[in-house]
Protein backbone atom coordinates (compact mmCIF):
# COMPACT_ATOMS: atom_id res chain seq x y z
CA MET A 1 -17.38 6.86 -29.75
CA PHE A 2 -14.07 6.38 -27.95
CA ASN A 3 -14.55 3.06 -26.18
CA PRO A 4 -11.83 2.45 -23.54
CA LEU A 5 -12.61 -1.27 -23.64
CA ASP A 6 -11.18 -1.36 -27.16
CA TYR A 7 -7.76 -0.87 -25.55
CA PRO A 8 -7.25 -3.63 -22.97
CA ILE A 9 -3.64 -2.52 -22.62
CA ALA A 10 -5.04 0.04 -20.15
CA TYR A 11 -5.31 -2.78 -17.60
CA MET A 12 -1.60 -3.57 -17.86
CA LYS A 13 0.53 -3.38 -14.71
CA PRO A 14 3.20 -0.67 -15.04
CA ARG A 15 6.82 -1.71 -14.74
CA ARG A 16 7.85 1.53 -13.10
CA THR A 17 6.19 3.56 -10.39
CA SER A 18 7.55 6.15 -7.99
CA GLU A 19 7.13 7.61 -4.53
CA ALA A 20 6.08 10.75 -6.38
CA LEU A 21 2.43 9.88 -6.97
CA ALA A 22 1.47 12.75 -9.30
CA TRP A 23 1.55 10.82 -12.62
CA LEU A 24 0.62 7.31 -11.50
CA ASP A 25 -3.11 7.80 -12.05
CA ASN A 26 -2.54 8.74 -15.71
CA ILE A 27 -0.63 5.58 -16.63
CA PRO A 28 -3.67 3.60 -17.91
CA PHE A 29 -4.57 6.40 -20.32
CA ALA A 30 -0.94 6.64 -21.48
CA PHE A 31 -1.08 2.93 -22.31
CA ALA A 32 -4.36 3.29 -24.20
CA LEU A 33 -3.27 6.45 -26.01
CA VAL A 34 -0.17 4.80 -27.44
CA GLN A 35 -2.14 1.76 -28.57
CA ALA A 36 -4.92 3.87 -30.08
CA HIS A 37 -2.82 6.56 -31.74
CA ARG A 38 0.18 4.43 -32.74
CA PRO A 39 2.65 7.34 -32.80
CA LYS A 40 5.81 6.95 -34.83
CA LEU A 41 7.75 9.38 -32.66
CA ILE A 42 7.18 10.19 -28.97
CA VAL A 43 9.00 13.03 -27.21
CA GLU A 44 8.70 13.87 -23.53
CA LEU A 45 9.83 17.20 -22.08
CA GLY A 46 10.47 16.64 -18.40
CA THR A 47 11.09 12.98 -17.58
CA HIS A 48 12.23 13.21 -13.94
CA THR A 49 11.85 9.74 -12.36
CA GLY A 50 10.52 8.26 -15.60
CA VAL A 51 7.02 7.18 -14.56
CA SER A 52 5.23 8.67 -17.56
CA TYR A 53 8.08 7.97 -19.98
CA PHE A 54 8.33 4.32 -18.99
CA ALA A 55 4.56 4.03 -19.48
CA PHE A 56 4.91 5.23 -23.08
CA CYS A 57 7.86 2.90 -23.71
CA GLN A 58 6.12 -0.08 -22.13
CA ALA A 59 3.04 0.49 -24.30
CA VAL A 60 5.22 0.76 -27.42
CA GLU A 61 6.95 -2.52 -26.64
CA VAL A 62 3.79 -4.45 -25.72
CA SER A 63 1.95 -3.13 -28.77
CA GLY A 64 4.83 -4.10 -31.05
CA LEU A 65 5.04 -0.62 -32.60
CA PRO A 66 8.03 0.68 -34.60
CA THR A 67 7.95 3.85 -32.47
CA LYS A 68 11.00 5.88 -31.47
CA CYS A 69 10.94 7.50 -28.03
CA TYR A 70 12.97 10.33 -26.52
CA GLY A 71 12.93 11.50 -22.92
CA ILE A 72 14.46 14.94 -22.41
CA ASP A 73 15.51 16.41 -19.07
CA THR A 74 18.52 17.95 -17.33
CA TRP A 75 17.87 15.69 -14.32
CA GLU A 76 18.88 18.50 -12.04
CA GLY A 77 15.39 19.50 -10.87
CA ASP A 78 13.74 22.90 -10.56
CA GLU A 79 11.87 25.02 -8.05
CA HIS A 80 8.71 22.94 -8.56
CA ALA A 81 10.00 19.37 -8.65
CA GLY A 82 12.80 20.22 -6.25
CA PHE A 83 16.51 20.02 -6.90
CA TYR A 84 18.24 16.68 -6.58
CA GLY A 85 21.52 14.85 -7.16
CA GLU A 86 22.68 12.20 -9.61
CA GLU A 87 20.89 9.30 -7.95
CA ILE A 88 17.63 9.76 -9.88
CA PHE A 89 19.32 9.81 -13.28
CA ARG A 90 21.56 6.85 -12.44
CA ASP A 91 18.59 4.79 -11.32
CA LEU A 92 16.62 5.75 -14.42
CA VAL A 93 19.45 4.79 -16.78
CA ALA A 94 20.06 1.50 -14.98
CA ASN A 95 16.42 0.51 -15.49
CA HIS A 96 15.95 2.05 -18.94
CA GLU A 97 18.91 0.63 -20.82
CA PRO A 98 18.16 -3.12 -20.52
CA LEU A 99 14.47 -2.62 -21.30
CA TYR A 100 14.08 0.04 -23.98
CA SER A 101 17.43 1.19 -25.36
CA ASN A 102 16.72 -0.45 -28.73
CA PHE A 103 14.02 2.15 -29.51
CA SER A 104 14.35 4.77 -26.78
CA LYS A 105 16.95 7.37 -25.86
CA LEU A 106 17.38 9.66 -22.88
CA LEU A 107 18.68 13.11 -23.83
CA ARG A 108 20.24 14.97 -20.92
CA MET A 109 19.93 18.58 -22.02
CA LYS A 110 17.68 21.62 -21.86
CA PHE A 111 14.52 21.51 -23.94
CA ASP A 112 15.61 24.36 -26.22
CA ASP A 113 18.98 22.72 -26.85
CA ALA A 114 17.23 19.49 -27.87
CA LEU A 115 15.23 21.18 -30.63
CA LYS A 116 18.08 20.77 -33.08
CA GLU A 117 17.93 16.99 -32.60
CA PHE A 118 14.52 16.72 -34.33
CA ARG A 119 13.26 17.51 -37.81
CA ASP A 120 10.17 19.63 -38.26
CA GLY A 121 6.85 17.85 -38.66
CA TYR A 122 7.75 14.44 -37.22
CA ILE A 123 6.61 14.22 -33.59
CA ASP A 124 3.25 12.43 -33.24
CA LEU A 125 3.01 12.56 -29.43
CA LEU A 126 4.54 15.31 -27.29
CA HIS A 127 4.27 15.27 -23.51
CA ILE A 128 5.05 18.61 -21.83
CA ASP A 129 5.83 18.23 -18.14
CA GLY A 130 8.74 20.57 -17.41
CA CYS A 131 8.64 23.81 -15.47
CA HIS A 132 4.97 24.58 -14.79
CA GLU A 133 5.03 28.36 -14.78
CA TYR A 134 2.74 29.80 -17.41
CA GLU A 135 5.48 31.38 -19.52
CA SER A 136 7.54 28.17 -19.44
CA VAL A 137 4.64 25.94 -20.51
CA LYS A 138 3.71 28.36 -23.28
CA HIS A 139 7.32 28.61 -24.45
CA ASP A 140 7.71 24.82 -24.53
CA PHE A 141 4.56 24.41 -26.63
CA GLU A 142 5.36 27.20 -29.05
CA SER A 143 9.01 26.29 -29.52
CA TRP A 144 8.19 22.63 -30.18
CA ARG A 145 5.09 23.33 -32.29
CA PRO A 146 7.03 23.23 -35.60
CA LYS A 147 8.32 19.77 -34.70
CA LEU A 148 4.81 18.33 -34.46
CA SER A 149 3.38 16.19 -37.24
CA SER A 150 0.08 16.58 -39.04
CA ARG A 151 -1.41 13.89 -36.76
CA SER A 152 0.15 15.10 -33.52
CA VAL A 153 -1.31 14.99 -30.02
CA VAL A 154 0.08 16.98 -27.10
CA LEU A 155 -0.26 16.13 -23.42
CA LEU A 156 -0.09 18.81 -20.72
CA HIS A 157 0.29 17.58 -17.17
CA ASP A 158 -0.74 19.34 -13.95
CA ILE A 159 -3.54 21.39 -15.47
CA ASN A 160 -5.48 21.04 -12.20
CA ALA A 161 -2.57 21.60 -9.82
CA GLN A 162 -3.30 24.29 -7.25
CA GLU A 163 0.29 25.11 -6.31
CA PRO A 164 1.27 28.79 -6.53
CA HIS A 165 2.83 29.89 -9.83
CA PHE A 166 1.59 26.81 -11.73
CA GLY A 167 0.33 28.06 -15.09
CA ALA A 168 -0.41 24.86 -17.01
CA ARG A 169 -4.14 25.32 -16.43
CA ARG A 170 -4.14 28.86 -17.78
CA PHE A 171 -2.32 27.85 -20.95
CA PHE A 172 -4.53 24.79 -21.47
CA VAL A 173 -7.61 27.04 -21.37
CA GLU A 174 -6.02 29.27 -24.00
CA LEU A 175 -5.36 26.29 -26.26
CA GLN A 176 -9.04 25.36 -26.21
CA SER A 177 -9.85 28.32 -28.45
CA GLY A 178 -7.66 26.95 -31.23
CA TYR A 179 -7.55 23.18 -30.81
CA PRO A 180 -9.87 20.30 -29.88
CA VAL A 181 -9.09 19.17 -26.34
CA PHE A 182 -10.01 16.51 -23.80
CA GLU A 183 -9.50 17.03 -20.08
CA PHE A 184 -8.91 14.47 -17.36
CA THR A 185 -9.89 16.03 -14.08
CA HIS A 186 -8.67 13.42 -11.59
CA GLY A 187 -5.45 13.89 -9.68
CA TYR A 188 -3.33 16.79 -10.89
CA GLY A 189 -5.15 16.82 -14.23
CA LEU A 190 -4.06 15.90 -17.73
CA GLY A 191 -4.88 17.88 -20.84
CA VAL A 192 -5.02 16.15 -24.24
CA VAL A 193 -4.73 18.46 -27.24
CA ALA A 194 -5.29 17.47 -30.89
CA VAL A 195 -2.81 19.72 -32.66
CA GLY A 196 -2.35 18.08 -36.05
CA GLU A 197 -5.13 18.54 -38.61
CA GLU A 198 -4.87 14.92 -39.73
CA THR A 199 -5.73 13.76 -36.22
CA ARG A 200 -9.35 13.99 -37.37
CA LYS A 201 -8.74 10.92 -39.52
CA GLU A 202 -7.26 8.89 -36.65
CA PRO A 203 -9.07 6.55 -34.21
CA ILE A 204 -8.08 8.85 -31.35
CA TRP A 205 -10.26 11.62 -32.81
CA SER A 206 -13.37 10.05 -31.27
CA LEU A 207 -11.97 11.05 -27.88
CA PHE A 208 -12.33 14.72 -28.80
CA GLU A 209 -15.84 14.23 -30.18
CA ALA A 210 -17.18 12.57 -27.03
CA GLY A 211 -20.43 13.96 -25.70
CA THR A 212 -21.08 14.88 -22.09
CA ALA A 213 -22.20 11.41 -21.04
CA GLU A 214 -19.33 9.74 -22.89
CA VAL A 215 -16.81 12.13 -21.34
CA ALA A 216 -18.03 11.18 -17.86
CA VAL A 217 -17.67 7.46 -18.63
CA ILE A 218 -14.19 7.86 -20.11
CA ARG A 219 -12.99 9.93 -17.17
CA ARG A 220 -14.44 7.50 -14.64
CA PHE A 221 -12.91 4.51 -16.43
CA PHE A 222 -9.35 5.84 -16.51
CA SER A 223 -9.46 7.50 -13.10
CA SER A 224 -10.61 4.21 -11.56
CA LEU A 225 -7.75 2.27 -13.13
CA GLY A 226 -5.31 5.02 -12.25
CA ASN A 227 -6.42 5.10 -8.64
CA GLU A 228 -5.76 1.37 -8.37
CA ILE A 229 -2.15 1.90 -9.44
CA GLN A 230 -1.77 4.85 -7.09
CA ASN A 231 -3.30 3.01 -4.14
CA GLU A 232 -1.11 -0.02 -4.75
CA ARG A 233 1.97 2.21 -4.63
CA ILE A 234 0.74 3.86 -1.42
CA MET A 235 0.29 0.41 0.14
CA GLN A 236 3.80 -0.56 -0.96
CA GLN A 237 5.17 2.59 0.68
CA ARG A 238 3.23 1.84 3.84
CA ASP A 239 4.49 -1.75 3.96
CA ALA A 240 8.06 -0.59 3.36
CA ARG A 241 7.72 1.93 6.18
CA ILE A 242 6.37 -0.76 8.52
CA ARG A 243 9.31 -3.02 7.64
CA ASP A 244 11.73 -0.18 8.35
CA LEU A 245 10.09 0.51 11.72
CA GLU A 246 10.15 -3.19 12.61
CA ALA A 247 13.85 -3.36 11.73
CA GLN A 248 14.56 -0.26 13.82
CA LEU A 249 12.61 -1.75 16.74
CA ALA A 250 14.50 -5.03 16.49
CA GLN A 251 17.79 -3.16 16.44
CA THR A 252 16.77 -1.08 19.47
CA ASN A 253 15.68 -4.19 21.38
CA ALA A 254 18.99 -5.86 20.58
CA GLN A 255 20.90 -2.83 21.81
CA LEU A 256 18.83 -2.74 25.01
CA ALA A 257 19.41 -6.46 25.59
CA GLU A 258 23.15 -5.98 25.11
CA ALA A 259 23.17 -3.00 27.48
CA ASN A 260 21.20 -4.95 30.09
CA ALA A 261 23.60 -7.87 29.81
CA GLN A 262 26.55 -5.55 30.37
CA ILE A 263 24.86 -3.98 33.42
CA VAL A 264 24.12 -7.39 34.96
CA SER A 265 27.68 -8.48 34.28
CA MET A 266 29.07 -5.40 36.03
CA LEU A 267 26.71 -5.77 38.97
CA ARG A 268 27.80 -9.37 39.47
CA SER A 269 31.47 -8.41 39.48
CA ARG A 270 32.50 -7.92 43.12
CA SER A 271 35.78 -6.36 42.07
CA TRP A 272 33.87 -3.62 40.28
CA TRP A 273 31.74 -2.91 43.32
CA LEU A 274 34.73 -2.65 45.65
CA THR A 275 35.60 0.67 44.03
CA SER A 276 32.07 1.81 43.32
CA PRO A 277 30.38 4.45 45.49
CA LEU A 278 27.17 2.52 44.88
CA ARG A 279 28.46 -0.82 46.16
CA TRP A 280 25.86 -0.70 48.93
CA ILE A 281 23.27 -1.51 46.22
CA TYR A 282 25.05 -4.76 45.56
CA ARG A 283 25.29 -5.64 49.23
CA HIS A 284 21.74 -4.77 50.17
CA ILE A 285 19.99 -6.06 47.05
CA PHE A 286 21.94 -8.56 45.02
CA GLU A 287 23.79 -10.36 47.83
CA ARG A 288 20.50 -10.89 49.65
CA ALA A 289 19.12 -12.39 46.45
CA ASP A 290 22.13 -14.71 46.29
CA LEU A 291 23.11 -13.35 42.84
């Protein structure tokens, strides 16, 4: 039986979250997976803001593993994630280098171009989260399949996403006919695929043997922890928005106060009113009030 309580690292607070909430609820399982499977080499295809990748790296560091990690992306965006400028990559590098550069490397290139950087049969954990069209997901899996080790596990994100043209779900269903799988149904969905034959000898194999009741418990456990992380981030966004609105209100009030002071100053200036077509307001209102 795969007992989530055997991996207390799942309760760990993540160092990196993002306004993009799609992967936050999978972070606890990412922590537990690294601790349970102890991969020697982790490769991620599609790192974007680094939420999932930082989760892997954080788990490697906390677990004291001799793991090497590689995050691969062009950091230009696509039609699904949206296109963006350099700010995301610069922020990622600035946070990545002081924390994980001793065992992790960010490769800014296309997935196919990065294939030559890795020897066949060495990747123990592959996370595929690039373009989500069916043909792209299938191509990424098939092109990187020779690089996977005999104990490899593959993660497919967004298998429950309902957006048009997303084909991760379709490909995940196809994989079920050839490989043992486990499916997380919360959020956008996460598919776990046991690709390597030797995975059967690993502690993580009990995840794929879980019965119906066990599956329900495992899903509920990790979705609950993931929702806590997601909700905390939502609250942080809300608080940040409130602070921004309060700052804007204070600025507006200050501008109004300054404008009112200028108006009062002009109204009290008799020399200004001598040339003003509205000087009768001063005479009939302000002079009577002894202003």
